[in-house]
């Protein structure tokens, strides 16, 4: 993440209170805005977040963490500023009224933190740094890490690369011709729905009468107020990536989160009343869970989803693949470095050997035999 310093400086104090306080604030604000049900329980942070207690961090760790999140906020404000420039440009050239804007995200907040992993040496090799004063500026490398990611997802559970709603639920903002202003819609939708929505808003079918096959559903009926949703209450929608899996149907969700932040157990939640996925309904309504598991298997078969082998760790596999790619990309440099160090090592050995031989020849080397 990168942002101009003047943007970052605005947010350092905001995030100096730590991720626990920020997360609680977002949970409360989400209820005030009606984004989640009033009184909805906040998800429980995963136990493996060893640094979750903000007060246990040193002042230096707190300063670095708060500035990292400040860079994240600054980057979003900088993006908003540039979107404003684009809007002004479109207004000036007369294209604004003929433009549809779509702003969304492909997943929840990113929890990766390469700075605190074995990739740190590689990042330094590439010229990156993480100096506090210039964090977010040229050549710096910034990541918010899992603690801020959990805070950023607010009342929802987990973050990117997981099937908890914190990794899947994202905002979708649309504006332009044919879209009512200042309207909030709470209907369920998925990313493939964006393309057919734009198709219908620009009346692409009338321009190209041939069939335009798209897997998503057009949200145009929702935007116009003609429909409350495009998915039926009894319609199942599945997701899966690297074993992280979920199936939505109406108000309920079947979900499986894998290690390191999950345990691979299927759980059942009412995500309307419980967006934090805090209460597992598996024992309460086992028949529904079994029915949704069957629906998920149908989805998996239909889309060719393969179950991961027992004990398979995607993160370890990613690490191994990175190592292989690293060696494949830098093999010549690695070989040259090995050759150089071999020559230097051999030269040093020969120099020491000759020095010792010279000393022995001059009688200055004494060997003591110890019985």
Protein backbone atom coordinates (compact mmCIF):
# COMPACT_ATOMS: atom_id res chain seq x y z
CA UNK A 1 0.00 0.00 0.00
CA UNK A 2 1.19 3.50 -0.79
CA UNK A 3 -0.11 6.99 -0.14
CA UNK A 4 1.22 10.55 0.04
CA UNK A 5 2.52 11.47 3.49
CA UNK A 6 0.05 14.34 3.92
CA UNK A 7 -2.80 11.83 3.66
CA UNK A 8 -1.19 9.30 5.99
CA UNK A 9 -0.48 11.86 8.71
CA UNK A 10 -4.22 12.53 9.05
CA UNK A 11 -4.94 9.02 10.29
CA UNK A 12 -2.03 8.09 12.58
CA UNK A 13 -3.83 9.34 15.68
CA UNK A 14 -7.07 7.63 14.61
CA UNK A 15 -5.48 4.19 14.64
CA UNK A 16 -3.20 4.71 17.63
CA UNK A 17 -6.03 3.35 19.82
CA UNK A 18 -5.37 -0.13 18.41
CA UNK A 19 -7.25 -2.76 16.49
CA UNK A 20 -9.47 -3.90 19.39
CA UNK A 21 -11.00 -0.44 19.84
CA UNK A 22 -11.35 0.17 16.09
CA UNK A 23 -13.11 -3.14 15.60
CA UNK A 24 -15.60 -2.44 18.36
CA UNK A 25 -16.25 1.03 16.93
CA UNK A 26 -16.96 -0.43 13.49
CA UNK A 27 -19.27 -3.04 14.97
CA UNK A 28 -21.26 -0.32 16.74
CA UNK A 29 -21.30 1.95 13.68
CA UNK A 30 -22.50 -0.89 11.43
CA UNK A 31 -25.52 -1.30 13.72
CA UNK A 32 -26.22 2.45 13.73
CA UNK A 33 -26.18 2.49 9.92
CA UNK A 34 -28.44 -0.55 9.68
CA UNK A 35 -25.79 -2.64 7.94
CA UNK A 36 -26.23 -5.40 10.54
CA UNK A 37 -29.07 -6.22 12.90
CA UNK A 38 -29.14 -4.23 16.17
CA UNK A 39 -27.51 -6.22 18.94
CA UNK A 40 -25.88 -8.65 16.50
CA UNK A 41 -22.95 -10.34 18.21
CA UNK A 42 -19.46 -9.44 17.07
CA UNK A 43 -17.34 -12.36 15.87
CA UNK A 44 -14.68 -13.74 18.19
CA UNK A 45 -11.07 -13.06 17.10
CA UNK A 46 -9.27 -16.28 16.23
CA UNK A 47 -7.00 -17.59 18.97
CA UNK A 48 -3.93 -17.64 16.71
CA UNK A 49 -3.86 -13.82 16.60
CA UNK A 50 -1.14 -13.75 19.25
CA UNK A 51 -0.78 -9.95 19.13
CA UNK A 52 -4.49 -9.20 19.50
CA UNK A 53 -4.06 -7.60 22.95
CA UNK A 54 -2.90 -4.14 21.85
CA UNK A 55 -1.57 -3.27 25.31
CA UNK A 56 1.00 -6.07 25.16
CA UNK A 57 2.75 -4.42 22.18
CA UNK A 58 5.77 -2.23 22.75
CA UNK A 59 5.45 1.50 21.93
CA UNK A 60 7.55 0.93 18.80
CA UNK A 61 5.30 -1.95 17.66
CA UNK A 62 2.18 0.11 18.29
CA UNK A 63 3.62 3.06 16.35
CA UNK A 64 4.47 0.86 13.35
CA UNK A 65 1.10 -0.91 13.40
CA UNK A 66 -0.93 2.29 13.70
CA UNK A 67 0.99 3.97 10.89
CA UNK A 68 0.54 0.91 8.66
CA UNK A 69 -3.23 1.15 9.06
CA UNK A 70 -3.00 4.91 8.57
CA UNK A 71 -1.37 4.26 5.19
CA UNK A 72 -4.29 1.96 4.32
CA UNK A 73 -6.82 4.68 5.17
CA UNK A 74 -4.74 7.29 3.35
CA UNK A 75 -4.62 5.13 0.24
CA UNK A 76 -8.43 4.90 0.24
CA UNK A 77 -8.76 8.67 0.62
CA UNK A 78 -6.23 9.22 -2.16
CA UNK A 79 -8.23 6.87 -4.38
CA UNK A 80 -11.41 8.79 -3.52
CA UNK A 81 -9.67 12.03 -4.46
CA UNK A 82 -8.63 10.59 -7.83
CA UNK A 83 -12.17 9.34 -8.45
CA UNK A 84 -13.28 12.91 -7.83
CA UNK A 85 -10.82 14.14 -10.45
CA UNK A 86 -12.24 11.60 -12.90
CA UNK A 87 -15.79 12.78 -12.19
CA UNK A 88 -14.77 16.41 -12.68
CA UNK A 89 -13.12 15.49 -15.97
CA UNK A 90 -16.25 13.71 -17.19
CA UNK A 91 -18.40 16.65 -16.21
CA UNK A 92 -16.12 19.06 -18.05
CA UNK A 93 -16.14 17.09 -21.29
CA UNK A 94 -19.87 16.33 -21.19
CA UNK A 95 -19.60 12.55 -20.62
CA UNK A 96 -20.69 12.44 -16.98
CA UNK A 97 -24.40 11.95 -17.70
CA UNK A 98 -23.56 9.04 -19.98
CA UNK A 99 -21.30 7.17 -17.53
CA UNK A 100 -22.05 4.30 -15.15
CA UNK A 101 -19.81 4.03 -12.09
CA UNK A 102 -19.20 0.71 -10.35
CA UNK A 103 -17.09 0.68 -7.19
CA UNK A 104 -16.55 -2.58 -5.34
CA UNK A 105 -13.91 -4.96 -3.99
CA UNK A 106 -13.06 -8.52 -4.90
CA UNK A 107 -12.76 -9.71 -1.28
CA UNK A 108 -12.52 -8.63 2.33
CA UNK A 109 -9.46 -7.03 3.98
CA UNK A 110 -6.05 -8.55 3.24
CA UNK A 111 -4.44 -10.31 6.22
CA UNK A 112 -1.13 -11.18 4.59
CA UNK A 113 1.98 -9.71 6.17
CA UNK A 114 5.11 -10.51 4.11
CA UNK A 115 7.15 -8.05 6.18
CA UNK A 116 7.01 -10.41 9.17
CA UNK A 117 7.73 -13.62 7.27
CA UNK A 118 10.67 -15.26 5.53
CA UNK A 119 9.99 -12.95 2.57
CA UNK A 120 11.52 -10.06 4.51
CA UNK A 121 15.00 -10.77 3.16
CA UNK A 122 13.69 -10.93 -0.40
CA UNK A 123 11.86 -7.62 0.07
CA UNK A 124 15.10 -6.00 1.24
CA UNK A 125 16.87 -7.52 -1.76
CA UNK A 126 14.31 -5.86 -4.03
CA UNK A 127 15.02 -2.49 -2.42
CA UNK A 128 11.99 -2.20 -0.14
CA UNK A 129 12.14 -0.74 3.35
CA UNK A 130 9.73 -0.14 6.24
CA UNK A 131 11.09 2.96 7.90
CA UNK A 132 8.43 4.45 10.13
CA UNK A 133 8.72 8.05 8.97
CA UNK A 134 8.39 7.24 5.25
CA UNK A 135 6.02 4.29 5.52
CA UNK A 136 3.69 4.24 2.53
CA UNK A 137 5.98 6.33 0.38
CA UNK A 138 8.33 5.38 -2.45
CA UNK A 139 10.10 2.02 -2.02
CA UNK A 140 8.37 1.24 1.28
CA UNK A 141 6.45 -1.99 1.79
CA UNK A 142 3.28 -1.86 3.89
CA UNK A 143 0.78 -4.53 4.93
CA UNK A 144 -1.86 -4.27 7.65
CA UNK A 145 -1.60 -7.90 8.79
CA UNK A 146 -4.27 -10.21 10.25
CA UNK A 147 -5.06 -8.12 13.34
CA UNK A 148 -5.99 -4.98 11.42
CA UNK A 149 -7.73 -7.14 8.81
CA UNK A 150 -9.96 -8.58 11.53
CA UNK A 151 -10.64 -5.07 12.81
CA UNK A 152 -11.38 -3.79 9.31
CA UNK A 153 -14.00 -6.46 8.70
CA UNK A 154 -15.85 -5.10 11.75
CA UNK A 155 -18.72 -7.29 12.95
CA UNK A 156 -18.13 -10.01 10.36
CA UNK A 157 -15.91 -13.06 10.67
CA UNK A 158 -12.34 -13.39 9.35
CA UNK A 159 -10.94 -11.73 6.20
CA UNK A 160 -9.64 -12.29 2.68
CA UNK A 161 -8.94 -15.87 1.54
CA UNK A 162 -11.53 -17.22 3.99
CA UNK A 163 -15.19 -18.08 3.56
CA UNK A 164 -16.27 -16.19 6.67
CA UNK A 165 -18.38 -13.17 5.75
CA UNK A 166 -15.41 -10.93 6.56
CA UNK A 167 -13.68 -12.42 3.53
CA UNK A 168 -16.71 -12.43 1.22
CA UNK A 169 -18.99 -9.52 2.04
CA UNK A 170 -17.94 -6.31 0.29
CA UNK A 171 -19.60 -3.01 -0.67
CA UNK A 172 -21.04 -2.45 -4.13
CA UNK A 173 -21.69 1.16 -5.14
CA UNK A 174 -23.32 1.93 -8.49
CA UNK A 175 -24.30 5.29 -9.94
CA UNK A 176 -25.34 6.62 -13.32
CA UNK A 177 -28.23 6.70 -15.77
CA UNK A 178 -31.11 4.45 -14.72
CA UNK A 179 -29.87 4.06 -11.14
CA UNK A 180 -31.85 5.81 -8.36
CA UNK A 181 -29.77 8.14 -6.18
CA UNK A 182 -29.12 7.69 -2.45
CA UNK A 183 -30.77 4.28 -2.28
CA UNK A 184 -29.52 1.37 -0.19
CA UNK A 185 -30.29 -2.17 -1.31
CA UNK A 186 -29.75 -5.16 0.95
CA UNK A 187 -30.43 -7.91 -1.58
CA UNK A 188 -28.00 -10.81 -1.90
CA UNK A 189 -25.75 -10.57 -4.93
CA UNK A 190 -22.44 -11.98 -6.17
CA UNK A 191 -19.66 -10.51 -8.30
CA UNK A 192 -20.74 -12.18 -11.60
CA UNK A 193 -23.97 -10.16 -11.35
CA UNK A 194 -22.16 -6.90 -12.16
CA UNK A 195 -21.54 -7.64 -15.85
CA UNK A 196 -25.16 -8.52 -16.81
CA UNK A 197 -26.34 -5.51 -14.79
CA UNK A 198 -24.19 -3.16 -16.87
CA UNK A 199 -25.29 -5.01 -20.01
CA UNK A 200 -28.92 -4.21 -19.24
CA UNK A 201 -28.31 -0.63 -18.08
CA UNK A 202 -26.56 0.23 -21.37
CA UNK A 203 -29.10 -1.83 -23.34
CA UNK A 204 -26.34 -3.85 -24.93
CA UNK A 205 -28.77 -6.50 -26.14
CA UNK A 206 -30.48 -3.97 -28.41
CA UNK A 207 -27.09 -3.02 -29.90
CA UNK A 208 -25.97 -6.64 -30.27
CA UNK A 209 -29.16 -8.73 -30.68
CA UNK A 210 -27.26 -12.03 -30.44
CA UNK A 211 -27.26 -13.97 -27.19
CA UNK A 212 -24.80 -12.70 -24.59
CA UNK A 213 -24.24 -15.60 -22.24
CA UNK A 214 -23.30 -14.51 -18.71
CA UNK A 215 -23.38 -16.59 -15.55
CA UNK A 216 -24.62 -13.79 -13.25
CA UNK A 217 -28.03 -12.22 -12.75
CA UNK A 218 -28.85 -8.66 -13.75
CA UNK A 219 -29.56 -6.37 -10.79
CA UNK A 220 -31.48 -3.94 -13.00
CA UNK A 221 -34.88 -5.08 -11.60
CA UNK A 222 -33.63 -4.33 -8.07
CA UNK A 223 -32.20 -0.94 -9.02
CA UNK A 224 -35.47 0.06 -10.69
CA UNK A 225 -37.52 -1.08 -7.71
CA UNK A 226 -39.34 -3.76 -9.67
CA UNK A 227 -37.89 -6.60 -7.54
CA UNK A 228 -36.56 -7.12 -4.03
CA UNK A 229 -33.96 -9.66 -5.14
CA UNK A 230 -32.74 -11.78 -8.01
CA UNK A 231 -32.16 -14.98 -6.04
CA UNK A 232 -35.02 -17.01 -4.59
CA UNK A 233 -35.10 -17.82 -0.88
CA UNK A 234 -34.65 -21.52 -1.63
CA UNK A 235 -31.84 -21.00 -4.16
CA UNK A 236 -28.36 -22.16 -3.12
CA UNK A 237 -25.21 -20.25 -4.10
CA UNK A 238 -21.82 -21.86 -3.43
CA UNK A 239 -18.23 -20.64 -3.09
CA UNK A 240 -14.86 -22.40 -2.75
CA UNK A 241 -11.17 -21.55 -2.90
CA UNK A 242 -8.37 -23.72 -1.55
CA UNK A 243 -10.76 -25.58 0.72
CA UNK A 244 -12.38 -22.43 2.09
CA UNK A 245 -16.03 -23.02 1.25
CA UNK A 246 -19.50 -21.62 1.81
CA UNK A 247 -23.04 -22.13 0.63
CA UNK A 248 -25.74 -19.46 1.00
CA UNK A 249 -29.46 -20.10 0.92
CA UNK A 250 -31.85 -17.45 2.08
CA UNK A 251 -30.87 -16.27 5.56
CA UNK A 252 -28.60 -19.22 6.34
CA UNK A 253 -25.03 -20.01 5.45
CA UNK A 254 -23.03 -23.21 5.60
CA UNK A 255 -19.34 -22.43 5.97
CA UNK A 256 -15.99 -24.17 6.36
CA UNK A 257 -12.88 -22.18 7.24
CA UNK A 258 -9.53 -23.92 6.97
CA UNK A 259 -6.29 -23.48 8.95
CA UNK A 260 -4.43 -21.46 10.03
CA UNK A 261 -7.42 -19.39 11.16
CA UNK A 262 -10.10 -22.08 10.89
CA UNK A 263 -10.43 -25.74 11.80
CA UNK A 264 -12.00 -27.26 8.68
CA UNK A 265 -15.35 -27.99 10.42
CA UNK A 266 -18.62 -27.27 8.62
CA UNK A 267 -20.81 -24.85 10.58
CA UNK A 268 -24.29 -23.44 10.06
CA UNK A 269 -25.21 -19.81 10.75
CA UNK A 270 -28.07 -17.39 10.30
CA UNK A 271 -26.11 -14.52 8.78
CA UNK A 272 -28.99 -12.03 9.04
CA UNK A 273 -29.30 -12.32 12.83
CA UNK A 274 -25.69 -13.41 13.33
CA UNK A 275 -23.37 -11.76 10.76
CA UNK A 276 -20.41 -12.47 13.02
CA UNK A 277 -21.06 -16.23 12.65
CA UNK A 278 -20.85 -16.68 16.41
CA UNK A 279 -23.58 -19.30 16.91
CA UNK A 280 -23.35 -22.69 15.20
CA UNK A 281 -26.85 -24.05 14.47
CA UNK A 282 -25.60 -27.50 13.45
CA UNK A 283 -26.95 -29.22 16.56
CA UNK A 284 -30.13 -27.17 16.63
CA UNK A 285 -31.25 -27.88 13.05
CA UNK A 286 -29.12 -30.85 11.86
CA UNK A 287 -31.55 -31.71 9.06
CA UNK A 288 -31.01 -28.31 7.47
CA UNK A 289 -27.25 -28.68 7.75
CA UNK A 290 -27.40 -32.08 6.03
CA UNK A 291 -29.58 -30.60 3.28
CA UNK A 292 -27.14 -27.74 2.69
CA UNK A 293 -24.17 -30.12 2.68
CA UNK A 294 -25.94 -32.02 -0.09
CA UNK A 295 -26.49 -28.73 -1.94
CA UNK A 296 -22.81 -27.90 -1.59
CA UNK A 297 -21.76 -31.27 -3.01
CA UNK A 298 -24.04 -30.67 -5.99
CA UNK A 299 -22.40 -27.27 -6.49
CA UNK A 300 -18.91 -28.80 -6.15
CA UNK A 301 -19.69 -31.53 -8.70
CA UNK A 302 -21.26 -29.05 -11.09
CA UNK A 303 -18.20 -26.76 -11.05
CA UNK A 304 -15.45 -29.36 -10.73
CA UNK A 305 -14.40 -28.43 -7.19
CA UNK A 306 -11.87 -30.91 -5.83
CA UNK A 307 -11.55 -31.64 -2.13
CA UNK A 308 -8.10 -30.99 -0.72
CA UNK A 309 -6.21 -34.09 0.46
CA UNK A 310 -6.09 -34.67 4.20
CA UNK A 311 -3.32 -32.64 5.79
CA UNK A 312 -2.83 -30.43 2.73
CA UNK A 313 -1.89 -26.89 3.73
CA UNK A 314 -2.45 -24.28 1.00
CA UNK A 315 -0.21 -21.76 2.75
CA UNK A 316 2.69 -24.23 2.84
CA UNK A 317 2.05 -25.08 -0.80
CA UNK A 318 2.11 -21.38 -1.69
CA UNK A 319 5.41 -21.02 0.18
CA UNK A 320 6.90 -23.99 -1.66
CA UNK A 321 5.70 -22.66 -5.00
CA UNK A 322 7.18 -19.24 -4.23
CA UNK A 323 10.50 -20.89 -3.39
CA UNK A 324 10.48 -22.82 -6.68
CA UNK A 325 9.60 -19.73 -8.68
CA UNK A 326 12.24 -17.76 -6.80
CA UNK A 327 14.93 -20.31 -7.66
CA UNK A 328 13.68 -20.55 -11.26
CA UNK A 329 13.77 -16.78 -11.70
CA UNK A 330 17.06 -16.10 -9.92
CA UNK A 331 18.91 -19.33 -10.70
CA UNK A 332 21.68 -17.56 -12.62
CA UNK A 333 22.28 -15.07 -9.81
CA UNK A 334 22.20 -17.86 -7.23
CA UNK A 335 24.64 -19.93 -9.30
CA UNK A 336 26.94 -16.92 -9.78
CA UNK A 337 26.84 -16.16 -6.04
CA UNK A 338 27.59 -19.81 -5.24
CA UNK A 339 30.50 -19.80 -7.68
CA UNK A 340 31.83 -16.54 -6.27
CA UNK A 341 31.67 -17.73 -2.68
CA UNK A 342 33.23 -21.06 -3.70
CA UNK A 343 36.16 -19.25 -5.34
CA UNK A 344 36.55 -16.90 -2.39
CA UNK A 345 36.31 -19.79 0.04
CA UNK A 346 38.90 -21.81 -1.89
CA UNK A 347 41.17 -18.80 -2.13
CA UNK A 348 40.89 -18.17 1.61
CA UNK A 349 41.59 -21.82 2.34
CA UNK A 350 44.68 -21.77 0.09
CA UNK A 351 45.94 -18.57 1.69
CA UNK A 352 45.58 -20.00 5.19
CA UNK A 353 47.16 -23.27 4.08
CA UNK A 354 50.17 -21.47 2.58
CA UNK A 355 50.54 -19.27 5.65
CA UNK A 356 50.56 -22.24 7.97
CA UNK A 357 52.99 -24.08 5.67
CA UNK A 358 55.30 -21.07 5.71
CA UNK A 359 55.18 -20.90 9.49
CA UNK A 360 55.92 -24.60 9.80
CA UNK A 361 58.87 -24.22 7.42
CA UNK A 362 60.27 -21.39 9.57
CA UNK A 363 59.80 -23.40 12.75
CA UNK A 364 57.27 -21.02 14.26
CA UNK A 365 54.44 -23.54 14.44
CA UNK A 366 54.49 -25.87 17.45
CA UNK A 367 52.27 -28.92 17.74
CA UNK A 368 51.44 -30.04 21.26
CA UNK A 369 50.50 -33.65 21.71
CA UNK A 370 47.99 -34.26 24.47
CA UNK A 371 47.71 -37.76 25.93
